[in-house]
Amino acid sequence: MNYMIVEKFRPGKVKELYKRFDEKGRLMPEGVTYINSWIDEKVEVCFQLMEAESMEKLQAWMDAWSDLCEFEVFPVISSADAKQKALSS
């Protein structure tokens, strides 16, 4: 399943977040795959597309970063899958 993650960086924690990333990488457990990400121009919010075998595995990844940012999670499907789903009902 693909998930759009909205990460809101905690105030004053951006430098610490990037330092941890440089030192330890993404800290993703097996079964979680990074696809791509985009950051707003203020460097306060990250929009990240991830693939995960389960919500539990995705939660383990978020737990590793929860001291530096807050997460909102949206399960997402492709536009083509959405069209098929909408037209088949």
PDB file of N, CA and C in Angstrom:
ATOM      1  N   MET A   1       0.843  -1.174   0.000  1.00  0.00           N
ATOM      2  CA  MET A   1       0.000   0.000   0.000  1.00  0.00           C
ATOM      3  C   MET A   1       0.888   1.237   0.000  1.00  0.00           C
ATOM      4  N   ASN A   2       0.468   2.246  -0.744  1.00  0.00           N
ATOM      5  CA  ASN A   2       1.176   3.521  -0.759  1.00  0.00           C
ATOM      6  C   ASN A   2       0.526   4.479   0.231  1.00  0.00           C
ATOM      7  N   TYR A   3       1.370   5.313   0.826  1.00  0.00           N
ATOM      8  CA  TYR A   3       0.903   6.285   1.814  1.00  0.00           C
ATOM      9  C   TYR A   3       1.519   7.643   1.511  1.00  0.00           C
ATOM     10  N   MET A   4       0.677   8.685   1.519  1.00  0.00           N
ATOM     11  CA  MET A   4       1.190  10.045   1.468  1.00  0.00           C
ATOM     12  C   MET A   4       1.318  10.490   2.915  1.00  0.00           C
ATOM     13  N   ILE A   5       2.532  10.838   3.285  1.00  0.00           N
ATOM     14  CA  ILE A   5       2.827  11.248   4.645  1.00  0.00           C
ATOM     15  C   ILE A   5       3.038  12.754   4.650  1.00  0.00           C
ATOM     16  N   VAL A   6       2.353  13.441   5.542  1.00  0.00           N
ATOM     17  CA  VAL A   6       2.586  14.864   5.737  1.00  0.00           C
ATOM     18  C   VAL A   6       3.319  14.994   7.066  1.00  0.00           C
ATOM     19  N   GLU A   7       4.586  15.397   6.979  1.00  0.00           N
ATOM     20  CA  GLU A   7       5.422  15.568   8.169  1.00  0.00           C
ATOM     21  C   GLU A   7       5.510  17.056   8.485  1.00  0.00           C
ATOM     22  N   LYS A   8       5.099  17.426   9.670  1.00  0.00           N
ATOM     23  CA  LYS A   8       5.254  18.811  10.109  1.00  0.00           C
ATOM     24  C   LYS A   8       6.422  18.840  11.082  1.00  0.00           C
ATOM     25  N   PHE A   9       7.474  19.535  10.679  1.00  0.00           N
ATOM     26  CA  PHE A   9       8.668  19.596  11.507  1.00  0.00           C
ATOM     27  C   PHE A   9       8.364  20.363  12.789  1.00  0.00           C
ATOM     28  N   ARG A  10       8.818  19.827  13.903  1.00  0.00           N
ATOM     29  CA  ARG A  10       8.625  20.519  15.172  1.00  0.00           C
ATOM     30  C   ARG A  10       9.483  21.789  15.170  1.00  0.00           C
ATOM     31  N   PRO A  11       8.943  22.879  15.740  1.00  0.00           N
ATOM     32  CA  PRO A  11       9.681  24.149  15.745  1.00  0.00           C
ATOM     33  C   PRO A  11      11.092  23.987  16.325  1.00  0.00           C
ATOM     34  N   GLY A  12      12.074  24.527  15.610  1.00  0.00           N
ATOM     35  CA  GLY A  12      13.457  24.495  16.055  1.00  0.00           C
ATOM     36  C   GLY A  12      14.155  23.155  15.900  1.00  0.00           C
ATOM     37  N   LYS A  13      13.526  22.176  15.223  1.00  0.00           N
ATOM     38  CA  LYS A  13      14.092  20.829  15.127  1.00  0.00           C
ATOM     39  C   LYS A  13      14.607  20.458  13.732  1.00  0.00           C
ATOM     40  N   VAL A  14      14.509  21.358  12.775  1.00  0.00           N
ATOM     41  CA  VAL A  14      14.871  21.013  11.395  1.00  0.00           C
ATOM     42  C   VAL A  14      16.345  20.631  11.274  1.00  0.00           C
ATOM     43  N   LYS A  15      17.229  21.406  11.876  1.00  0.00           N
ATOM     44  CA  LYS A  15      18.662  21.095  11.789  1.00  0.00           C
ATOM     45  C   LYS A  15      18.957  19.743  12.428  1.00  0.00           C
ATOM     46  N   GLU A  16      18.329  19.471  13.566  1.00  0.00           N
ATOM     47  CA  GLU A  16      18.512  18.179  14.235  1.00  0.00           C
ATOM     48  C   GLU A  16      17.998  17.032  13.365  1.00  0.00           C
ATOM     49  N   LEU A  17      16.878  17.265  12.679  1.00  0.00           N
ATOM     50  CA  LEU A  17      16.312  16.251  11.799  1.00  0.00           C
ATOM     51  C   LEU A  17      17.286  15.914  10.669  1.00  0.00           C
ATOM     52  N   TYR A  18      17.824  16.940  10.007  1.00  0.00           N
ATOM     53  CA  TYR A  18      18.753  16.693   8.899  1.00  0.00           C
ATOM     54  C   TYR A  18      20.065  16.084   9.394  1.00  0.00           C
ATOM     55  N   LYS A  19      20.489  16.462  10.595  1.00  0.00           N
ATOM     56  CA  LYS A  19      21.706  15.871  11.163  1.00  0.00           C
ATOM     57  C   LYS A  19      21.505  14.372  11.393  1.00  0.00           C
ATOM     58  N   ARG A  20      20.360  13.992  11.981  1.00  0.00           N
ATOM     59  CA  ARG A  20      20.067  12.570  12.200  1.00  0.00           C
ATOM     60  C   ARG A  20      20.001  11.829  10.873  1.00  0.00           C
ATOM     61  N   PHE A  21      19.346  12.451   9.886  1.00  0.00           N
ATOM     62  CA  PHE A  21      19.248  11.832   8.564  1.00  0.00           C
ATOM     63  C   PHE A  21      20.639  11.580   7.977  1.00  0.00           C
ATOM     64  N   ASP A  22      21.520  12.578   8.082  1.00  0.00           N
ATOM     65  CA  ASP A  22      22.882  12.415   7.559  1.00  0.00           C
ATOM     66  C   ASP A  22      23.643  11.313   8.288  1.00  0.00           C
ATOM     67  N   GLU A  23      23.439  11.189   9.594  1.00  0.00           N
ATOM     68  CA  GLU A  23      24.169  10.209  10.396  1.00  0.00           C
ATOM     69  C   GLU A  23      23.594   8.797  10.312  1.00  0.00           C
ATOM     70  N   LYS A  24      22.245   8.685  10.221  1.00  0.00           N
ATOM     71  CA  LYS A  24      21.605   7.376  10.346  1.00  0.00           C
ATOM     72  C   LYS A  24      20.757   6.960   9.154  1.00  0.00           C
ATOM     73  N   GLY A  25      20.592   7.859   8.176  1.00  0.00           N
ATOM     74  CA  GLY A  25      19.743   7.534   7.037  1.00  0.00           C
ATOM     75  C   GLY A  25      18.260   7.665   7.387  1.00  0.00           C
ATOM     76  N   ARG A  26      17.421   7.016   6.622  1.00  0.00           N
ATOM     77  CA  ARG A  26      15.968   7.150   6.788  1.00  0.00           C
ATOM     78  C   ARG A  26      15.399   6.340   7.958  1.00  0.00           C
ATOM     79  N   LEU A  27      16.165   5.424   8.493  1.00  0.00           N
ATOM     80  CA  LEU A  27      15.729   4.589   9.626  1.00  0.00           C
ATOM     81  C   LEU A  27      14.468   3.787   9.296  1.00  0.00           C
ATOM     82  N   MET A  28      14.387   3.292   8.080  1.00  0.00           N
ATOM     83  CA  MET A  28      13.206   2.534   7.647  1.00  0.00           C
ATOM     84  C   MET A  28      13.373   1.057   7.982  1.00  0.00           C
ATOM     85  N   PRO A  29      12.349   0.472   8.583  1.00  0.00           N
ATOM     86  CA  PRO A  29      12.405  -0.973   8.820  1.00  0.00           C
ATOM     87  C   PRO A  29      12.186  -1.735   7.508  1.00  0.00           C
ATOM     88  N   GLU A  30      12.547  -2.995   7.502  1.00  0.00           N
ATOM     89  CA  GLU A  30      12.274  -3.841   6.345  1.00  0.00           C
ATOM     90  C   GLU A  30      10.779  -3.828   6.076  1.00  0.00           C
ATOM     91  N   GLY A  31      10.421  -3.712   4.800  1.00  0.00           N
ATOM     92  CA  GLY A  31       9.004  -3.674   4.436  1.00  0.00           C
ATOM     93  C   GLY A  31       8.475  -2.267   4.217  1.00  0.00           C
ATOM     94  N   VAL A  32       9.336  -1.255   4.406  1.00  0.00           N
ATOM     95  CA  VAL A  32       8.960   0.138   4.142  1.00  0.00           C
ATOM     96  C   VAL A  32       9.922   0.681   3.093  1.00  0.00           C
ATOM     97  N   THR A  33       9.365   1.309   2.043  1.00  0.00           N
ATOM     98  CA  THR A  33      10.165   1.823   0.935  1.00  0.00           C
ATOM     99  C   THR A  33       9.853   3.294   0.702  1.00  0.00           C
ATOM    100  N   TYR A  34      10.891   4.100   0.645  1.00  0.00           N
ATOM    101  CA  TYR A  34      10.773   5.511   0.302  1.00  0.00           C
ATOM    102  C   TYR A  34      10.597   5.627  -1.210  1.00  0.00           C
ATOM    103  N   ILE A  35       9.626   6.443  -1.654  1.00  0.00           N
ATOM    104  CA  ILE A  35       9.414   6.651  -3.086  1.00  0.00           C
ATOM    105  C   ILE A  35       9.920   8.034  -3.508  1.00  0.00           C
ATOM    106  N   ASN A  36       9.433   9.088  -2.858  1.00  0.00           N
ATOM    107  CA  ASN A  36       9.865  10.444  -3.189  1.00  0.00           C
ATOM    108  C   ASN A  36       9.340  11.396  -2.125  1.00  0.00           C
ATOM    109  N   SER A  37       9.896  12.610  -2.102  1.00  0.00           N
ATOM    110  CA  SER A  37       9.389  13.603  -1.153  1.00  0.00           C
ATOM    111  C   SER A  37       9.592  15.010  -1.687  1.00  0.00           C
ATOM    112  N   TRP A  38       8.819  15.935  -1.132  1.00  0.00           N
ATOM    113  CA  TRP A  38       8.854  17.337  -1.490  1.00  0.00           C
ATOM    114  C   TRP A  38       8.720  18.136  -0.200  1.00  0.00           C
ATOM    115  N   ILE A  39       9.448  19.231  -0.097  1.00  0.00           N
ATOM    116  CA  ILE A  39       9.440  20.077   1.096  1.00  0.00           C
ATOM    117  C   ILE A  39       8.901  21.452   0.704  1.00  0.00           C
ATOM    118  N   ASP A  40       8.061  22.023   1.575  1.00  0.00           N
ATOM    119  CA  ASP A  40       7.581  23.376   1.296  1.00  0.00           C
ATOM    120  C   ASP A  40       8.755  24.357   1.367  1.00  0.00           C
ATOM    121  N   GLU A  41       8.588  25.532   0.781  1.00  0.00           N
ATOM    122  CA  GLU A  41       9.680  26.494   0.685  1.00  0.00           C
ATOM    123  C   GLU A  41      10.123  27.047   2.034  1.00  0.00           C
ATOM    124  N   LYS A  42       9.266  26.978   3.041  1.00  0.00           N
ATOM    125  CA  LYS A  42       9.635  27.459   4.379  1.00  0.00           C
ATOM    126  C   LYS A  42      10.433  26.401   5.151  1.00  0.00           C
ATOM    127  N   VAL A  43      10.554  25.202   4.589  1.00  0.00           N
ATOM    128  CA  VAL A  43      11.220  24.045   5.213  1.00  0.00           C
ATOM    129  C   VAL A  43      10.575  23.752   6.570  1.00  0.00           C
ATOM    130  N   GLU A  44       9.232  23.633   6.529  1.00  0.00           N
ATOM    131  CA  GLU A  44       8.458  23.317   7.723  1.00  0.00           C
ATOM    132  C   GLU A  44       7.624  22.056   7.561  1.00  0.00           C
ATOM    133  N   VAL A  45       7.321  21.714   6.302  1.00  0.00           N
ATOM    134  CA  VAL A  45       6.449  20.571   6.024  1.00  0.00           C
ATOM    135  C   VAL A  45       7.048  19.737   4.899  1.00  0.00           C
ATOM    136  N   CYS A  46       7.044  18.420   5.105  1.00  0.00           N
ATOM    137  CA  CYS A  46       7.503  17.477   4.086  1.00  0.00           C
ATOM    138  C   CYS A  46       6.317  16.631   3.637  1.00  0.00           C
ATOM    139  N   PHE A  47       6.159  16.483   2.341  1.00  0.00           N
ATOM    140  CA  PHE A  47       5.149  15.613   1.747  1.00  0.00           C
ATOM    141  C   PHE A  47       5.907  14.424   1.179  1.00  0.00           C
ATOM    142  N   GLN A  48       5.682  13.258   1.747  1.00  0.00           N
ATOM    143  CA  GLN A  48       6.523  12.102   1.429  1.00  0.00           C
ATOM    144  C   GLN A  48       5.654  10.923   0.998  1.00  0.00           C
ATOM    145  N   LEU A  49       5.988  10.342  -0.136  1.00  0.00           N
ATOM    146  CA  LEU A  49       5.283   9.164  -0.618  1.00  0.00           C
ATOM    147  C   LEU A  49       6.086   7.926  -0.237  1.00  0.00           C
ATOM    148  N   MET A  50       5.427   7.023   0.490  1.00  0.00           N
ATOM    149  CA  MET A  50       6.073   5.810   0.985  1.00  0.00           C
ATOM    150  C   MET A  50       5.227   4.606   0.590  1.00  0.00           C
ATOM    151  N   GLU A  51       5.891   3.466   0.518  1.00  0.00           N
ATOM    152  CA  GLU A  51       5.195   2.193   0.328  1.00  0.00           C
ATOM    153  C   GLU A  51       5.498   1.353   1.563  1.00  0.00           C
ATOM    154  N   ALA A  52       4.471   0.680   2.082  1.00  0.00           N
ATOM    155  CA  ALA A  52       4.690  -0.143   3.278  1.00  0.00           C
ATOM    156  C   ALA A  52       3.837  -1.399   3.207  1.00  0.00           C
ATOM    157  N   GLU A  53       4.416  -2.496   3.707  1.00  0.00           N
ATOM    158  CA  GLU A  53       3.697  -3.773   3.759  1.00  0.00           C
ATOM    159  C   GLU A  53       2.538  -3.721   4.740  1.00  0.00           C
ATOM    160  N   SER A  54       2.673  -2.885   5.774  1.00  0.00           N
ATOM    161  CA  SER A  54       1.617  -2.778   6.784  1.00  0.00           C
ATOM    162  C   SER A  54       1.710  -1.428   7.485  1.00  0.00           C
ATOM    163  N   MET A  55       0.632  -1.035   8.104  1.00  0.00           N
ATOM    164  CA  MET A  55       0.610   0.205   8.875  1.00  0.00           C
ATOM    165  C   MET A  55       1.541   0.089  10.085  1.00  0.00           C
ATOM    166  N   GLU A  56       1.680  -1.109  10.631  1.00  0.00           N
ATOM    167  CA  GLU A  56       2.558  -1.328  11.782  1.00  0.00           C
ATOM    168  C   GLU A  56       4.016  -1.023  11.422  1.00  0.00           C
ATOM    169  N   LYS A  57       4.443  -1.452  10.241  1.00  0.00           N
ATOM    170  CA  LYS A  57       5.815  -1.184   9.802  1.00  0.00           C
ATOM    171  C   LYS A  57       6.018   0.303   9.544  1.00  0.00           C
ATOM    172  N   LEU A  58       5.013   0.948   8.960  1.00  0.00           N
ATOM    173  CA  LEU A  58       5.094   2.382   8.743  1.00  0.00           C
ATOM    174  C   LEU A  58       5.147   3.117  10.079  1.00  0.00           C
ATOM    175  N   GLN A  59       4.382   2.653  11.049  1.00  0.00           N
ATOM    176  CA  GLN A  59       4.384   3.271  12.375  1.00  0.00           C
ATOM    177  C   GLN A  59       5.757   3.146  13.037  1.00  0.00           C
ATOM    178  N   ALA A  60       6.419   2.028  12.855  1.00  0.00           N
ATOM    179  CA  ALA A  60       7.768   1.850  13.409  1.00  0.00           C
ATOM    180  C   ALA A  60       8.718   2.903  12.841  1.00  0.00           C
ATOM    181  N   TRP A  61       8.599   3.202  11.555  1.00  0.00           N
ATOM    182  CA  TRP A  61       9.418   4.248  10.943  1.00  0.00           C
ATOM    183  C   TRP A  61       9.073   5.610  11.541  1.00  0.00           C
ATOM    184  N   MET A  62       7.786   5.909  11.683  1.00  0.00           N
ATOM    185  CA  MET A  62       7.378   7.202  12.235  1.00  0.00           C
ATOM    186  C   MET A  62       7.842   7.349  13.681  1.00  0.00           C
ATOM    187  N   ASP A  63       7.830   6.267  14.434  1.00  0.00           N
ATOM    188  CA  ASP A  63       8.286   6.311  15.828  1.00  0.00           C
ATOM    189  C   ASP A  63       9.737   6.770  15.937  1.00  0.00           C
ATOM    190  N   ALA A  64      10.550   6.419  14.950  1.00  0.00           N
ATOM    191  CA  ALA A  64      11.970   6.798  14.962  1.00  0.00           C
ATOM    192  C   ALA A  64      12.167   8.304  14.767  1.00  0.00           C
ATOM    193  N   TRP A  65      11.144   8.992  14.264  1.00  0.00           N
ATOM    194  CA  TRP A  65      11.246  10.419  13.961  1.00  0.00           C
ATOM    195  C   TRP A  65      10.258  11.286  14.746  1.00  0.00           C
ATOM    196  N   SER A  66       9.427  10.689  15.556  1.00  0.00           N
ATOM    197  CA  SER A  66       8.323  11.429  16.186  1.00  0.00           C
ATOM    198  C   SER A  66       8.785  12.516  17.158  1.00  0.00           C
ATOM    199  N   ASP A  67      10.028  12.456  17.625  1.00  0.00           N
ATOM    200  CA  ASP A  67      10.524  13.527  18.490  1.00  0.00           C
ATOM    201  C   ASP A  67      10.857  14.794  17.699  1.00  0.00           C
ATOM    202  N   LEU A  68      10.979  14.660  16.376  1.00  0.00           N
ATOM    203  CA  LEU A  68      11.360  15.790  15.533  1.00  0.00           C
ATOM    204  C   LEU A  68      10.249  16.290  14.622  1.00  0.00           C
ATOM    205  N   CYS A  69       9.216  15.481  14.403  1.00  0.00           N
ATOM    206  CA  CYS A  69       8.111  15.913  13.548  1.00  0.00           C
ATOM    207  C   CYS A  69       6.824  15.168  13.905  1.00  0.00           C
ATOM    208  N   GLU A  70       5.724  15.761  13.482  1.00  0.00           N
ATOM    209  CA  GLU A  70       4.402  15.156  13.634  1.00  0.00           C
ATOM    210  C   GLU A  70       3.984  14.613  12.282  1.00  0.00           C
ATOM    211  N   PHE A  71       3.194  13.541  12.289  1.00  0.00           N
ATOM    212  CA  PHE A  71       2.810  12.870  11.047  1.00  0.00           C
ATOM    213  C   PHE A  71       1.306  12.845  10.847  1.00  0.00           C
ATOM    214  N   GLU A  72       0.919  13.013   9.597  1.00  0.00           N
ATOM    215  CA  GLU A  72      -0.435  12.737   9.144  1.00  0.00           C
ATOM    216  C   GLU A  72      -0.282  11.718   8.026  1.00  0.00           C
ATOM    217  N   VAL A  73      -1.096  10.674   8.035  1.00  0.00           N
ATOM    218  CA  VAL A  73      -0.936   9.573   7.083  1.00  0.00           C
ATOM    219  C   VAL A  73      -2.214   9.427   6.253  1.00  0.00           C
ATOM    220  N   PHE A  74      -2.018   9.340   4.934  1.00  0.00           N
ATOM    221  CA  PHE A  74      -3.131   9.160   4.009  1.00  0.00           C
ATOM    222  C   PHE A  74      -2.843   7.966   3.102  1.00  0.00           C
ATOM    223  N   PRO A  75      -3.590   6.863   3.250  1.00  0.00           N
ATOM    224  CA  PRO A  75      -3.446   5.781   2.269  1.00  0.00           C
ATOM    225  C   PRO A  75      -3.899   6.317   0.914  1.00  0.00           C
ATOM    226  N   VAL A  76      -3.113   6.068  -0.141  1.00  0.00           N
ATOM    227  CA  VAL A  76      -3.441   6.602  -1.460  1.00  0.00           C
ATOM    228  C   VAL A  76      -3.386   5.513  -2.524  1.00  0.00           C
ATOM    229  N   ILE A  77      -4.161   5.737  -3.579  1.00  0.00           N
ATOM    230  CA  ILE A  77      -4.142   4.866  -4.755  1.00  0.00           C
ATOM    231  C   ILE A  77      -3.852   5.742  -5.971  1.00  0.00           C
ATOM    232  N   SER A  78      -3.478   5.136  -7.068  1.00  0.00           N
ATOM    233  CA  SER A  78      -3.171   5.906  -8.279  1.00  0.00           C
ATOM    234  C   SER A  78      -4.442   6.518  -8.859  1.00  0.00           C
ATOM    235  N   SER A  79      -4.265   7.509  -9.698  1.00  0.00           N
ATOM    236  CA  SER A  79      -5.412   8.127 -10.376  1.00  0.00           C
ATOM    237  C   SER A  79      -6.150   7.106 -11.233  1.00  0.00           C
ATOM    238  N   ALA A  80      -5.402   6.235 -11.902  1.00  0.00           N
ATOM    239  CA  ALA A  80      -6.025   5.205 -12.746  1.00  0.00           C
ATOM    240  C   ALA A  80      -6.860   4.248 -11.890  1.00  0.00           C
ATOM    241  N   ASP A  81      -6.337   3.845 -10.735  1.00  0.00           N
ATOM    242  CA  ASP A  81      -7.098   2.965  -9.838  1.00  0.00           C
ATOM    243  C   ASP A  81      -8.323   3.673  -9.283  1.00  0.00           C
ATOM    244  N   ALA A  82      -8.199   4.962  -8.997  1.00  0.00           N
ATOM    245  CA  ALA A  82      -9.337   5.735  -8.492  1.00  0.00           C
ATOM    246  C   ALA A  82     -10.445   5.807  -9.540  1.00  0.00           C
ATOM    247  N   LYS A  83     -10.050   6.032 -10.784  1.00  0.00           N
ATOM    248  CA  LYS A  83     -11.030   6.110 -11.885  1.00  0.00           C
ATOM    249  C   LYS A  83     -11.763   4.782 -12.022  1.00  0.00           C
ATOM    250  N   GLN A  84     -11.009   3.700 -12.022  1.00  0.00           N
ATOM    251  CA  GLN A  84     -11.628   2.371 -12.133  1.00  0.00           C
ATOM    252  C   GLN A  84     -12.561   2.103 -10.957  1.00  0.00           C
ATOM    253  N   LYS A  85     -12.146   2.452  -9.780  1.00  0.00           N
ATOM    254  CA  LYS A  85     -12.971   2.259  -8.581  1.00  0.00           C
ATOM    255  C   LYS A  85     -14.254   3.076  -8.669  1.00  0.00           C
ATOM    256  N   ALA A  86     -14.144   4.327  -9.106  1.00  0.00           N
ATOM    257  CA  ALA A  86     -15.307   5.202  -9.204  1.00  0.00           C
ATOM    258  C   ALA A  86     -16.290   4.739 -10.264  1.00  0.00           C
ATOM    259  N   LEU A  87     -15.777   4.282 -11.387  1.00  0.00           N
ATOM    260  CA  LEU A  87     -16.644   3.889 -12.493  1.00  0.00           C
ATOM    261  C   LEU A  87     -17.231   2.483 -12.341  1.00  0.00           C
ATOM    262  N   SER A  88     -16.640   1.689 -11.460  1.00  0.00           N
ATOM    263  CA  SER A  88     -17.162   0.319 -11.304  1.00  0.00           C
ATOM    264  C   SER A  88     -18.245   0.222 -10.247  1.00  0.00           C
ATOM    265  N   SER A  89     -18.509   1.304  -9.532  1.00  0.00           N
ATOM    266  CA  SER A  89     -19.572   1.234  -8.510  1.00  0.00           C
ATOM    267  C   SER A  89     -20.899   1.730  -8.993  1.00  0.00           C
TER     268      SER A  89
END
